[in-house]
C-alpha atoms as a PDB file:
ATOM      1  CA  MET A   1       0.000   0.000   0.000  1.00  0.00           C
ATOM      2  CA  ALA A   2       1.529   3.292  -1.082  1.00  0.00           C
ATOM      3  CA  SER A   3       2.001   6.048   1.455  1.00  0.00           C
ATOM      4  CA  LEU A   4      -0.801   8.584   1.577  1.00  0.00           C
ATOM      5  CA  LEU A   5       1.331  11.410   2.960  1.00  0.00           C
ATOM      6  CA  PRO A   6       1.600  14.546   0.778  1.00  0.00           C
ATOM      7  CA  ARG A   7       4.586  14.746  -1.550  1.00  0.00           C
ATOM      8  CA  ALA A   8       7.465  17.110  -0.963  1.00  0.00           C
ATOM      9  CA  ALA A   9       6.449  19.395  -3.857  1.00  0.00           C
ATOM     10  CA  LEU A  10       3.082  19.968  -2.194  1.00  0.00           C
ATOM     11  CA  LEU A  11       4.611  21.049   1.115  1.00  0.00           C
ATOM     12  CA  PRO A  12       6.733  24.111   0.262  1.00  0.00           C
ATOM     13  CA  ARG A  13       6.386  25.958   3.597  1.00  0.00           C
ATOM     14  CA  SER A  14       9.315  26.230   6.052  1.00  0.00           C
ATOM     15  CA  ILE A  15      11.669  23.657   4.518  1.00  0.00           C
ATOM     16  CA  PRO A  16      15.367  24.451   5.074  1.00  0.00           C
ATOM     17  CA  THR A  17      17.607  24.649   2.033  1.00  0.00           C
ATOM     18  CA  SER A  18      21.182  25.635   1.349  1.00  0.00           C
ATOM     19  CA  SER A  19      20.481  27.636  -1.790  1.00  0.00           C
ATOM     20  CA  ALA A  20      20.185  31.347  -1.190  1.00  0.00           C
ATOM     21  CA  SER A  21      19.285  32.402  -4.697  1.00  0.00           C
ATOM     22  CA  THR A  22      16.449  29.917  -5.173  1.00  0.00           C
ATOM     23  CA  PRO A  23      13.126  30.938  -3.600  1.00  0.00           C
ATOM     24  CA  PRO A  24      12.094  28.869  -0.559  1.00  0.00           C
ATOM     25  CA  CYS A  25       8.915  27.598  -2.223  1.00  0.00           C
ATOM     26  CA  ILE A  26      10.731  26.223  -5.333  1.00  0.00           C
ATOM     27  CA  ALA A  27      14.077  25.097  -3.981  1.00  0.00           C
ATOM     28  CA  PRO A  28      12.951  21.795  -2.350  1.00  0.00           C
ATOM     29  CA  ALA A  29      11.080  20.764  -5.463  1.00  0.00           C
ATOM     30  CA  LEU A  30      14.037  21.494  -7.756  1.00  0.00           C
ATOM     31  CA  THR A  31      16.779  20.139  -5.554  1.00  0.00           C
ATOM     32  CA  ARG A  32      15.136  16.978  -4.289  1.00  0.00           C
ATOM     33  CA  LEU A  33      13.243  15.616  -7.300  1.00  0.00           C
ATOM     34  CA  PHE A  34      16.356  14.044  -8.875  1.00  0.00           C
ATOM     35  CA  THR A  35      18.305  12.973  -5.805  1.00  0.00           C
ATOM     36  CA  SER A  36      18.791   9.499  -4.338  1.00  0.00           C
ATOM     37  CA  SER A  37      18.922  10.677  -0.737  1.00  0.00           C
ATOM     38  CA  PRO A  38      15.946   9.899   1.560  1.00  0.00           C
ATOM     39  CA  SER A  39      12.973  12.233   1.599  1.00  0.00           C
ATOM     40  CA  LEU A  40      12.680  15.099   4.017  1.00  0.00           C
ATOM     41  CA  HIS A  41       9.376  14.048   5.588  1.00  0.00           C
ATOM     42  CA  SER A  42      10.948  14.226   9.016  1.00  0.00           C
ATOM     43  CA  GLN A  43      12.088  17.833   8.391  1.00  0.00           C
ATOM     44  CA  GLN A  44       8.892  19.071   6.737  1.00  0.00           C
ATOM     45  CA  ARG A  45       6.233  21.070   8.487  1.00  0.00           C
ATOM     46  CA  ILE A  46       2.598  20.351   7.741  1.00  0.00           C
ATOM     47  CA  PRO A  47       0.875  23.437   6.277  1.00  0.00           C
ATOM     48  CA  PRO A  48      -2.436  24.708   7.734  1.00  0.00           C
ATOM     49  CA  GLU A  49      -4.402  23.646   4.658  1.00  0.00           C
ATOM     50  CA  SER A  50      -3.446  19.983   5.160  1.00  0.00           C
ATOM     51  CA  PRO A  51      -5.865  17.586   6.966  1.00  0.00           C
ATOM     52  CA  LEU A  52      -2.912  16.471   9.101  1.00  0.00           C
ATOM     53  CA  PHE A  53      -2.281  19.985  10.463  1.00  0.00           C
ATOM     54  CA  ILE A  54      -4.390  19.191  13.562  1.00  0.00           C
ATOM     55  CA  ASN A  55      -3.644  15.830  15.125  1.00  0.00           C
ATOM     56  CA  VAL A  56      -7.009  14.210  15.891  1.00  0.00           C
ATOM     57  CA  PRO A  57      -6.891  10.696  17.382  1.00  0.00           C
ATOM     58  CA  ASN A  58      -8.788   8.064  15.431  1.00  0.00           C
ATOM     59  CA  PRO A  59     -11.141   5.468  16.931  1.00  0.00           C
ATOM     60  CA  PRO A  60      -9.889   1.873  17.138  1.00  0.00           C
ATOM     61  CA  GLN A  61     -11.934   0.681  14.144  1.00  0.00           C
ATOM     62  CA  ASP A  62     -11.832   3.794  12.000  1.00  0.00           C
ATOM     63  CA  GLN A  63     -11.986   3.018   8.261  1.00  0.00           C
ATOM     64  CA  SER A  64     -11.264   6.531   7.032  1.00  0.00           C
ATOM     65  CA  ILE A  65      -8.338   7.415   4.817  1.00  0.00           C
ATOM     66  CA  GLU A  66      -6.563   9.131   7.711  1.00  0.00           C
ATOM     67  CA  ALA A  67      -6.661   5.909   9.730  1.00  0.00           C
ATOM     68  CA  ARG A  68      -5.187   3.927   6.857  1.00  0.00           C
ATOM     69  CA  ARG A  69      -2.157   6.227   6.571  1.00  0.00           C
ATOM     70  CA  ASP A  70      -0.326   4.411   9.356  1.00  0.00           C
ATOM     71  CA  LEU A  71      -0.942   0.948   7.930  1.00  0.00           C
ATOM     72  CA  LYS A  72       2.030  -0.809   6.480  1.00  0.00           C
ATOM     73  CA  PRO A  73       1.762  -2.904   3.341  1.00  0.00           C
ATOM     74  CA  VAL A  74       1.402  -6.618   4.076  1.00  0.00           C
ATOM     75  CA  ARG A  75       3.173  -8.811   1.582  1.00  0.00           C
ATOM     76  CA  GLY A  76       1.912 -12.298   0.810  1.00  0.00           C
ATOM     77  CA  PHE A  77      -0.973 -14.021   2.556  1.00  0.00           C
ATOM     78  CA  ILE A  78      -1.507 -16.574   5.250  1.00  0.00           C
ATOM     79  CA  PRO A  79      -2.783 -19.907   3.919  1.00  0.00           C
ATOM     80  CA  VAL A  80      -6.061 -21.279   5.146  1.00  0.00           C
ATOM     81  CA  PRO A  81      -5.395 -24.001   7.737  1.00  0.00           C
ATOM     82  CA  ARG A  82      -6.499 -27.510   6.864  1.00  0.00           C
ATOM     83  CA  ARG A  83      -9.422 -29.067   8.688  1.00  0.00           C
ATOM     84  CA  ILE A  84      -7.883 -32.325   9.790  1.00  0.00           C
ATOM     85  CA  PHE A  85     -10.826 -33.141  12.087  1.00  0.00           C
ATOM     86  CA  ALA A  86     -13.618 -32.535   9.559  1.00  0.00           C
ATOM     87  CA  HIS A  87     -14.775 -36.161   9.166  1.00  0.00           C
ATOM     88  CA  ARG A  88     -17.208 -38.091  11.305  1.00  0.00           C
ATOM     89  CA  ASP A  89     -14.538 -40.401  12.728  1.00  0.00           C
ATOM     90  CA  SER A  90     -12.034 -37.609  13.436  1.00  0.00           C
ATOM     91  CA  HIS A  91     -12.281 -38.273  17.172  1.00  0.00           C
ATOM     92  CA  LYS A  92     -10.320 -41.494  16.581  1.00  0.00           C
ATOM     93  CA  LYS A  93      -7.218 -39.687  15.303  1.00  0.00           C
ATOM     94  CA  PRO A  94      -5.694 -38.860  18.745  1.00  0.00           C
ATOM     95  CA  THR A  95      -5.981 -42.503  19.823  1.00  0.00           C
ATOM     96  CA  ASP A  96      -2.965 -44.816  19.921  1.00  0.00           C
ATOM     97  CA  SER A  97      -4.484 -47.285  17.450  1.00  0.00           C
ATOM     98  CA  TRP A  98      -4.992 -44.637  14.759  1.00  0.00           C
ATOM     99  CA  LEU A  99      -1.570 -43.113  15.327  1.00  0.00           C
ATOM    100  CA  ALA A 100       0.035 -46.546  15.145  1.00  0.00           C
ATOM    101  CA  LYS A 101      -1.557 -47.088  11.747  1.00  0.00           C
ATOM    102  CA  ALA A 102      -0.758 -43.568  10.526  1.00  0.00           C
ATOM    103  CA  ALA A 103       2.944 -43.764  11.524  1.00  0.00           C
ATOM    104  CA  PRO A 104       3.766 -47.453  11.905  1.00  0.00           C
ATOM    105  CA  GLU A 105       7.031 -48.782  13.201  1.00  0.00           C
ATOM    106  CA  PRO A 106       9.330 -50.631  10.762  1.00  0.00           C
ATOM    107  CA  THR A 107       8.676 -54.395  10.755  1.00  0.00           C
ATOM    108  CA  ASN A 108      11.213 -55.833   8.314  1.00  0.00           C
ATOM    109  CA  ALA A 109      14.318 -57.639   9.523  1.00  0.00           C
ATOM    110  CA  ARG A 110      16.690 -55.086   8.053  1.00  0.00           C
ATOM    111  CA  SER A 111      15.155 -52.307  10.080  1.00  0.00           C
ATOM    112  CA  GLN A 112      15.234 -54.402  13.255  1.00  0.00           C
ATOM    113  CA  ALA A 113      18.955 -55.042  12.925  1.00  0.00           C
ATOM    114  CA  SER A 114      21.546 -52.730  14.414  1.00  0.00           C
ATOM    115  CA  PRO A 115      22.675 -49.807  12.263  1.00  0.00           C
ATOM    116  CA  VAL A 116      25.823 -50.477  10.316  1.00  0.00           C
ATOM    117  CA  SER A 117      26.877 -46.848  10.026  1.00  0.00           C
ATOM    118  CA  GLU A 118      26.365 -43.481  11.626  1.00  0.00           C
ATOM    119  CA  ILE A 119      24.286 -42.247   8.674  1.00  0.00           C
ATOM    120  CA  GLN A 120      21.852 -45.142   9.022  1.00  0.00           C
ATOM    121  CA  ALA A 121      21.615 -44.533  12.751  1.00  0.00           C
ATOM    122  CA  TRP A 122      20.975 -40.847  12.112  1.00  0.00           C
ATOM    123  CA  LYS A 123      18.224 -41.664   9.577  1.00  0.00           C
ATOM    124  CA  ARG A 124      16.524 -44.012  12.042  1.00  0.00           C
ATOM    125  CA  LYS A 125      16.706 -41.354  14.708  1.00  0.00           C
ATOM    126  CA  MET A 126      15.161 -38.782  12.374  1.00  0.00           C
ATOM    127  CA  ALA A 127      12.378 -41.247  11.461  1.00  0.00           C
ATOM    128  CA  ASN A 128      11.586 -41.761  15.133  1.00  0.00           C
ATOM    129  CA  VAL A 129      11.568 -38.020  15.661  1.00  0.00           C
ATOM    130  CA  ARG A 130       9.130 -37.555  12.770  1.00  0.00           C
ATOM    131  CA  ARG A 131       6.831 -40.243  14.185  1.00  0.00           C
ATOM    132  CA  GLU A 132       6.883 -38.654  17.601  1.00  0.00           C
ATOM    133  CA  ASN A 133       6.319 -35.187  16.156  1.00  0.00           C
ATOM    134  CA  MET A 134       3.365 -36.479  14.151  1.00  0.00           C
ATOM    135  CA  ARG A 135       1.827 -38.093  17.260  1.00  0.00           C
ATOM    136  CA  SER A 136       2.358 -35.082  19.473  1.00  0.00           C
ATOM    137  CA  GLY A 137       1.155 -32.707  16.728  1.00  0.00           C
ATOM    138  CA  VAL A 138      -2.113 -34.569  16.208  1.00  0.00           C
ATOM    139  CA  ARG A 139      -2.744 -34.720  19.976  1.00  0.00           C
ATOM    140  CA  ASP A 140      -1.954 -31.019  20.386  1.00  0.00           C
ATOM    141  CA  LEU A 141      -4.227 -30.086  17.460  1.00  0.00           C
ATOM    142  CA  TRP A 142      -7.034 -32.185  18.934  1.00  0.00           C
ATOM    143  CA  SER A 143      -6.587 -30.525  22.315  1.00  0.00           C
ATOM    144  CA  ARG A 144      -6.651 -27.098  20.684  1.00  0.00           C
ATOM    145  CA  LYS A 145      -9.790 -28.022  18.742  1.00  0.00           C
ATOM    146  CA  GLN A 146     -11.494 -29.190  21.922  1.00  0.00           C
ATOM    147  CA  ARG A 147     -10.497 -25.976  23.674  1.00  0.00           C
ATOM    148  CA  PHE A 148     -11.735 -23.782  20.815  1.00  0.00           C
ATOM    149  CA  ASP A 149     -15.004 -25.707  20.513  1.00  0.00           C
ATOM    150  CA  THR A 150     -15.628 -25.417  24.234  1.00  0.00           C
ATOM    151  CA  ALA A 151     -14.969 -21.683  24.184  1.00  0.00           C
ATOM    152  CA  ARG A 152     -17.125 -21.218  21.097  1.00  0.00           C
ATOM    153  CA  ASN A 153     -20.004 -23.205  22.553  1.00  0.00           C
ATOM    154  CA  THR A 154     -19.752 -21.334  25.827  1.00  0.00           C
ATOM    155  CA  THR A 155     -19.827 -17.971  24.050  1.00  0.00           C
ATOM    156  CA  ARG A 156     -22.707 -19.065  21.846  1.00  0.00           C
ATOM    157  CA  ALA A 157     -24.733 -20.338  24.792  1.00  0.00           C
ATOM    158  CA  ALA A 158     -24.089 -17.097  26.677  1.00  0.00           C
ATOM    159  CA  LYS A 159     -25.230 -15.019  23.697  1.00  0.00           C
ATOM    160  CA  LEU A 160     -28.350 -17.122  23.223  1.00  0.00           C
ATOM    161  CA  ALA A 161     -29.173 -16.845  26.919  1.00  0.00           C
ATOM    162  CA  ALA A 162     -28.628 -13.089  26.853  1.00  0.00           C
ATOM    163  CA  ASN A 163     -30.769 -12.670  23.738  1.00  0.00           C
ATOM    164  CA  LYS A 164     -33.532 -14.813  25.195  1.00  0.00           C
ATOM    165  CA  ALA A 165     -33.432 -12.903  28.464  1.00  0.00           C
ATOM    166  CA  ALA A 166     -33.610  -9.599  26.587  1.00  0.00           C
ATOM    167  CA  ALA A 167     -36.492 -10.836  24.445  1.00  0.00           C
ATOM    168  CA  MET A 168     -38.463 -12.191  27.400  1.00  0.00           C
ATOM    169  CA  ALA A 169     -37.724  -9.258  29.681  1.00  0.00           C
ATOM    170  CA  PRO A 170     -40.723  -7.162  30.726  1.00  0.00           C
ATOM    171  CA  GLU A 171     -41.174  -3.670  29.397  1.00  0.00           C
ATOM    172  CA  ARG A 172     -39.159  -1.060  31.191  1.00  0.00           C
ATOM    173  CA  GLU A 173     -40.967   1.603  33.127  1.00  0.00           C
ATOM    174  CA  ASP A 174     -39.424   4.485  31.170  1.00  0.00           C
ATOM    175  CA  GLU A 175     -40.457   2.864  27.861  1.00  0.00           C
ATOM    176  CA  ARG A 176     -43.985   2.328  29.132  1.00  0.00           C
ATOM    177  CA  LEU A 177     -44.284   5.941  30.201  1.00  0.00           C
ATOM    178  CA  THR A 178     -42.832   7.394  26.997  1.00  0.00           C
ATOM    179  CA  ARG A 179     -44.440   5.211  24.284  1.00  0.00           C
ATOM    180  CA  GLY A 180     -47.556   6.313  22.454  1.00  0.00           C
ATOM    181  CA  THR A 181     -51.002   5.232  23.505  1.00  0.00           C
ATOM    182  CA  VAL A 182     -52.435   2.400  21.399  1.00  0.00           C
ATOM    183  CA  ASN A 183     -55.937   1.025  21.738  1.00  0.00           C
ATOM    184  CA  ALA A 184     -56.030  -2.463  23.196  1.00  0.00           C
ATOM    185  CA  GLY A 185     -58.394  -3.605  20.461  1.00  0.00           C
ATOM    186  CA  THR A 186     -55.825  -2.649  17.823  1.00  0.00           C
ATOM    187  CA  LEU A 187     -53.186  -4.842  19.431  1.00  0.00           C
ATOM    188  CA  ASP A 188     -55.560  -7.807  19.587  1.00  0.00           C
ATOM    189  CA  HIS A 189     -54.887  -9.792  16.402  1.00  0.00           C
ATOM    190  CA  ARG A 190     -56.918 -12.837  17.367  1.00  0.00           C
ATOM    191  CA  VAL A 191     -59.647 -13.968  14.976  1.00  0.00           C
ATOM    192  CA  SER A 192     -62.859 -14.535  16.923  1.00  0.00           C
ATOM    193  CA  ARG A 193     -65.243 -17.239  15.793  1.00  0.00           C
ATOM    194  CA  ASP A 194     -68.648 -16.366  14.411  1.00  0.00           C
ATOM    195  CA  PRO A 195     -71.272 -17.049  17.099  1.00  0.00           C
ATOM    196  CA  LEU A 196     -73.887 -17.768  14.413  1.00  0.00           C
ATOM    197  CA  ARG A 197     -71.693 -20.127  12.388  1.00  0.00           C
ATOM    198  CA  PHE A 198     -73.916 -23.162  13.033  1.00  0.00           C
ATOM    199  CA  GLU A 199     -77.106 -21.305  12.051  1.00  0.00           C
ATOM    200  CA  ARG A 200     -75.401 -20.024   8.903  1.00  0.00           C
ATOM    201  CA  GLY A 201     -74.273 -23.543   8.100  1.00  0.00           C
ATOM    202  CA  LEU A 202     -77.820 -24.920   8.434  1.00  0.00           C
ATOM    203  CA  ALA A 203     -79.208 -22.129   6.225  1.00  0.00           C
ATOM    204  CA  SER A 204     -76.538 -22.814   3.612  1.00  0.00           C
ATOM    205  CA  ALA A 205     -77.353 -26.538   3.688  1.00  0.00           C
ATOM    206  CA  GLN A 206     -81.038 -25.756   3.146  1.00  0.00           C
ATOM    207  CA  ARG A 207     -80.272 -23.511   0.177  1.00  0.00           C
ATOM    208  CA  THR A 208     -78.045 -26.172  -1.315  1.00  0.00           C
ATOM    209  CA  ALA A 209     -80.768 -28.804  -0.869  1.00  0.00           C
ATOM    210  CA  ALA A 210     -83.343 -26.501  -2.513  1.00  0.00           C
ATOM    211  CA  LEU A 211     -81.064 -25.941  -5.523  1.00  0.00           C
ATOM    212  CA  ALA A 212     -80.486 -29.686  -5.842  1.00  0.00           C
ATOM    213  CA  ALA A 213     -84.266 -30.317  -5.674  1.00  0.00           C
ATOM    214  CA  ASP A 214     -84.920 -27.738  -8.403  1.00  0.00           C
ATOM    215  CA  LYS A 215     -82.316 -29.352 -10.650  1.00  0.00           C
ATOM    216  CA  SER A 216     -83.812 -32.792 -10.019  1.00  0.00           C
ATOM    217  CA  GLU A 217     -87.320 -31.540 -10.820  1.00  0.00           C
ATOM    218  CA  ALA A 218     -86.148 -29.919 -14.053  1.00  0.00           C
ATOM    219  CA  ARG A 219     -84.401 -33.159 -15.017  1.00  0.00           C
ATOM    220  CA  ARG A 220     -87.581 -35.146 -14.275  1.00  0.00           C
ATOM    221  CA  ASP A 221     -89.664 -32.779 -16.445  1.00  0.00           C
ATOM    222  CA  ALA A 222     -87.190 -33.140 -19.289  1.00  0.00           C
ATOM    223  CA  ILE A 223     -87.355 -36.945 -19.056  1.00  0.00           C
ATOM    224  CA  GLN A 224     -91.176 -36.876 -19.019  1.00  0.00           C
ATOM    225  CA  ALA A 225     -91.282 -34.569 -22.042  1.00  0.00           C
ATOM    226  CA  LEU A 226     -88.875 -36.877 -23.839  1.00  0.00           C
ATOM    227  CA  TYR A 227     -91.092 -39.854 -23.028  1.00  0.00           C
ATOM    228  CA  MET A 228     -94.265 -38.112 -24.304  1.00  0.00           C
ATOM    229  CA  ASN A 229     -92.573 -36.955 -27.517  1.00  0.00           C
ATOM    230  CA  ALA A 230     -90.977 -40.302 -28.189  1.00  0.00           C
ATOM    231  CA  ARG A 231     -94.165 -41.534 -29.899  1.00  0.00           C
ATOM    232  CA  SER A 232     -93.539 -39.268 -32.879  1.00  0.00           C
ATOM    233  CA  PHE A 233     -89.839 -40.118 -33.253  1.00  0.00           C
ATOM    234  CA  ILE A 234     -88.565 -41.439 -36.587  1.00  0.00           C
ATOM    235  CA  VAL A 235     -86.862 -44.779 -36.002  1.00  0.00           C
ATOM    236  CA  ASP A 236     -86.340 -46.270 -39.476  1.00  0.00           C
ATOM    237  CA  GLU A 237     -85.598 -45.176 -43.023  1.00  0.00           C
ATOM    238  CA  ALA A 238     -89.150 -45.786 -44.289  1.00  0.00           C
ATOM    239  CA  GLU A 239     -90.619 -43.307 -41.776  1.00  0.00           C
ATOM    240  CA  LEU A 240     -87.876 -40.813 -42.593  1.00  0.00           C
ATOM    241  CA  GLU A 241     -88.575 -41.030 -46.314  1.00  0.00           C
ATOM    242  CA  ALA A 242     -92.332 -40.647 -45.765  1.00  0.00           C
ATOM    243  CA  ALA A 243     -91.811 -37.594 -43.521  1.00  0.00           C
ATOM    244  CA  VAL A 244     -89.493 -35.956 -46.063  1.00  0.00           C
ATOM    245  CA  GLU A 245     -91.928 -36.543 -48.917  1.00  0.00           C
ATOM    246  CA  SER A 246     -94.778 -35.117 -46.837  1.00  0.00           C
ATOM    247  CA  GLU A 247     -92.969 -32.015 -45.632  1.00  0.00           C
ATOM    248  CA  PHE A 248     -91.262 -31.077 -48.903  1.00  0.00           C
ATOM    249  CA  SER A 249     -94.048 -31.925 -51.358  1.00  0.00           C
ATOM    250  CA  ASP A 250     -95.387 -29.198 -53.684  1.00  0.00           C
ATOM    251  CA  SER A 251     -98.934 -29.568 -52.348  1.00  0.00           C
ATOM    252  CA  HIS A 252     -97.979 -29.595 -48.642  1.00  0.00           C
ATOM    253  CA  PHE A 253     -99.866 -26.417 -47.702  1.00  0.00           C
ATOM    254  CA  ASP A 254    -102.660 -27.089 -50.225  1.00  0.00           C
ATOM    255  CA  ASP A 255    -103.418 -30.418 -48.553  1.00  0.00           C
ATOM    256  CA  MET A 256    -103.970 -28.618 -45.239  1.00  0.00           C
ATOM    257  CA  GLY A 257    -107.051 -26.865 -46.582  1.00  0.00           C
ATOM    258  CA  GLN A 258    -108.210 -23.720 -44.845  1.00  0.00           C
ATOM    259  CA  GLY A 259    -107.206 -22.244 -41.532  1.00  0.00           C
ATOM    260  CA  GLY A 260    -109.405 -21.523 -38.556  1.00  0.00           C
ATOM    261  CA  ALA A 261    -110.291 -18.070 -39.894  1.00  0.00           C
ATOM    262  CA  GLY A 262    -111.536 -19.519 -43.197  1.00  0.00           C
ATOM    263  CA  TYR A 263    -108.532 -18.447 -45.254  1.00  0.00           C
ATOM    264  CA  ARG A 264    -106.393 -20.685 -47.438  1.00  0.00           C
ATOM    265  CA  ILE A 265    -103.124 -21.849 -45.816  1.00  0.00           C
ATOM    266  CA  GLN A 266    -100.157 -20.669 -47.888  1.00  0.00           C
ATOM    267  CA  ASN A 267     -97.189 -20.776 -45.472  1.00  0.00           C
ATOM    268  CA  ILE A 268     -96.064 -22.001 -42.045  1.00  0.00           C
ATOM    269  CA  TRP A 269     -97.402 -18.918 -40.288  1.00  0.00           C
ATOM    270  CA  ASP A 270    -100.900 -19.618 -41.569  1.00  0.00           C
ATOM    271  CA  ALA A 271    -100.616 -23.231 -40.424  1.00  0.00           C
ATOM    272  CA  GLN A 272     -99.135 -22.779 -36.931  1.00  0.00           C
ATOM    273  CA  ASN A 273     -99.798 -19.077 -36.285  1.00  0.00           C
ATOM    274  CA  GLU A 274     -97.217 -16.487 -35.444  1.00  0.00           C
ATOM    275  CA  PRO A 275     -95.393 -16.519 -32.087  1.00  0.00           C
ATOM    276  CA  MET A 276     -97.568 -14.930 -29.429  1.00  0.00           C
ATOM    277  CA  SER A 277     -96.271 -11.705 -27.928  1.00  0.00           C
ATOM    278  CA  VAL A 278     -97.059 -10.163 -24.575  1.00  0.00           C
ATOM    279  CA  ALA A 279     -99.456  -7.675 -26.153  1.00  0.00           C
ATOM    280  CA  HIS A 280    -101.345 -10.508 -27.852  1.00  0.00           C
ATOM    281  CA  MET A 281    -101.550 -12.345 -24.522  1.00  0.00           C
ATOM    282  CA  LEU A 282    -103.081  -9.279 -22.867  1.00  0.00           C
ATOM    283  CA  LYS A 283    -105.527  -8.817 -25.710  1.00  0.00           C
ATOM    284  CA  ASP A 284    -106.440 -12.489 -25.551  1.00  0.00           C
ATOM    285  CA  LEU A 285    -107.106 -12.156 -21.861  1.00  0.00           C
ATOM    286  CA  GLN A 286    -109.218  -8.999 -22.370  1.00  0.00           C
ATOM    287  CA  ARG A 287    -110.913 -10.460 -25.492  1.00  0.00           C
ATOM    288  CA  LYS A 288    -109.661  -7.608 -27.635  1.00  0.00           C
ATOM    289  CA  ASN A 289    -107.674  -9.721 -30.071  1.00  0.00           C
ATOM    290  CA  ASP A 290    -107.774  -9.041 -33.798  1.00  0.00           C
ATOM    291  CA  ASN A 291    -108.333 -12.741 -34.434  1.00  0.00           C
ATOM    292  CA  LEU A 292    -112.053 -13.468 -34.478  1.00  0.00           C
ATOM    293  CA  LEU A 293    -111.436 -17.113 -33.581  1.00  0.00           C
ATOM    294  CA  SER A 294    -109.735 -16.115 -30.342  1.00  0.00           C
ATOM    295  CA  ASP A 295    -112.409 -13.579 -29.548  1.00  0.00           C
ATOM    296  CA  PHE A 296    -115.216 -16.098 -29.997  1.00  0.00           C
ATOM    297  CA  THR A 297    -113.480 -18.964 -28.127  1.00  0.00           C
ATOM    298  CA  THR A 298    -115.824 -20.318 -25.479  1.00  0.00           C
ATOM    299  CA  GLU A 299    -115.037 -20.345 -21.802  1.00  0.00           C
ATOM    300  CA  GLU A 300    -115.119 -24.117 -21.817  1.00  0.00           C
ATOM    301  CA  THR A 301    -112.210 -24.291 -24.253  1.00  0.00           C
ATOM    302  CA  ARG A 302    -110.217 -21.787 -22.184  1.00  0.00           C
ATOM    303  CA  THR A 303    -110.964 -23.734 -19.008  1.00  0.00           C
ATOM    304  CA  VAL A 304    -109.859 -27.022 -20.544  1.00  0.00           C
ATOM    305  CA  ARG A 305    -106.603 -25.413 -21.685  1.00  0.00           C
ATOM    306  CA  ARG A 306    -105.916 -24.047 -18.201  1.00  0.00           C
ATOM    307  CA  GLN A 307    -106.747 -27.377 -16.566  1.00  0.00           C
ATOM    308  CA  LYS A 308    -104.311 -29.124 -18.892  1.00  0.00           C
ATOM    309  CA  GLN A 309    -101.543 -26.727 -17.914  1.00  0.00           C
ATOM    310  CA  VAL A 310    -102.329 -27.176 -14.195  1.00  0.00           C
ATOM    311  CA  ALA A 311    -102.327 -30.961 -14.583  1.00  0.00           C
ATOM    312  CA  GLU A 312     -98.969 -30.873 -16.307  1.00  0.00           C
ATOM    313  CA  GLU A 313     -97.515 -28.835 -13.433  1.00  0.00           C
ATOM    314  CA  LEU A 314     -98.999 -31.186 -10.825  1.00  0.00           C
ATOM    315  CA  THR A 315     -98.023 -34.447 -12.507  1.00  0.00           C
ATOM    316  CA  GLY A 316     -94.642 -33.240 -13.652  1.00  0.00           C
ATOM    317  CA  GLY A 317     -95.078 -34.297 -17.292  1.00  0.00           C
ATOM    318  CA  LYS A 318     -96.598 -33.328 -20.599  1.00  0.00           C
ATOM    319  CA  MET A 319    -100.157 -34.351 -21.463  1.00  0.00           C
ATOM    320  CA  ASP A 320    -101.777 -34.683 -24.857  1.00  0.00           C
END
């Protein structure tokens, strides 16, 4: 990290120099830019316009640029330590059986024999030292891990206990006296049950049953109408051919003769009458219809027609 202190050319005030002819503000910049001697930071005076003119102490964790001036550049990095106890059976590593397998003793006859030279004796001694260092290192690392885990668990349990105590602590008196007034009903978030829920359920069940009964009645009427009209259904090709010849013959309307008013039938409206409107129904009821046949219809015929309609409603089916 490069130094953040101002350069010498930016600090021209009160710097001693041996040149008498050169002005004080230009001499340091001209005489020291191309020299190999150390800088004159120790001899320079900080000008009033510099942020370092007034020495203000920084907090311990200050991240400002002034706090980073005193930091020294750190070269390289520290490697991340290996987790040698990361597996499930890591607790077996400090045991003698695991260490005996990890660093076994020599078993061949050549290694059991006495050393024949000083070099061989030195190599065997170094091998024993490495085995002992490996055993002691694993045991020390396991002890350190146990110590760190215990400290971490203790700190974690203390923090959890402190947080739980703070969360479950009653409201302080000063907070109760200084907080705003809130209606108790606003703070009550409970959902109360409907006291009439059973009555509403029975009423809903009755409405559902009534709708189901209406659908069943309409279905029964449709089946009855289908049964009454089934007598005129065409079921074979002979009946279909006869019906087509009768309906599409040239003398179809001539064969019908005259209508009820005494006129000759020439189209379908003369044969089956026009659709009755609401005005025609009112005129028929008041006997003010333009059709003389409707005006001179007897009360007996009207009564029979009404009785047929009532019977159809009571029996639930169509009647001829």
